[in-house]
Amino acid sequence: MFIMTFDGASRYSVPRDQQPTDITIDGAGDLVVVGNTVFAGGNFTSLPGGESARFIAKWDGADWSGVGGGMDDPVRALAVFDDGLGGGPALYAGGVSVDPQGIGRPIVARFDGATWTEPVEITKTFEDFRSDYDWKVLATGPSHAIQLTHGPQRGRLVVPVWLSLGT
């Protein structure tokens, strides 16, 4: 990953010693901007200088740092969403947690600015579609989620998922 900044008129390269050379945001990762902070999710566990990041990091314009102790599995989708729980918009991360039997379960967790909630499995949300599309594999991402801002579904969080027949 190569990071540049933009001040509205010009682009500036982040200094080479601050580039995340040991971070790999794989094809299933995501980026989201909150204010002046860039959050990066993907398949990485450390930052330049060796700081732990555990699949999610933030860039404040000067330095990389971990986010709330990180996640247990790679982050595939990020979204900023006002869930109405108070405190305004919160950062959400989606991914796939693999159980001891090797079965992946799509999960979503909320970051309150200090810590992550326990990830919630969202597979049951998609059971209603099984009669129309008999999926065998379900995963969040790739790409990022959005919050609808207009219309009768205003406020709803839309998260991309990948479904497969497994054939």
Foldseek 3Di string as FASTA:
>chain_A
DFDWDDPPDDIGGQDPLQGFPQDDADQLKEWDDDPQKIKIFHPHAAGRVGAGAAGMWMDNPHHIHHAANYDPDTFRAWEWAQPVPDPGTWIKTWWWDADPVRATFIWMWTGNRHHIDDTDGDVVVCPVCCVVPVFDDKIWDNYYWYAACDDPRHRDIGTHMDTHNPD
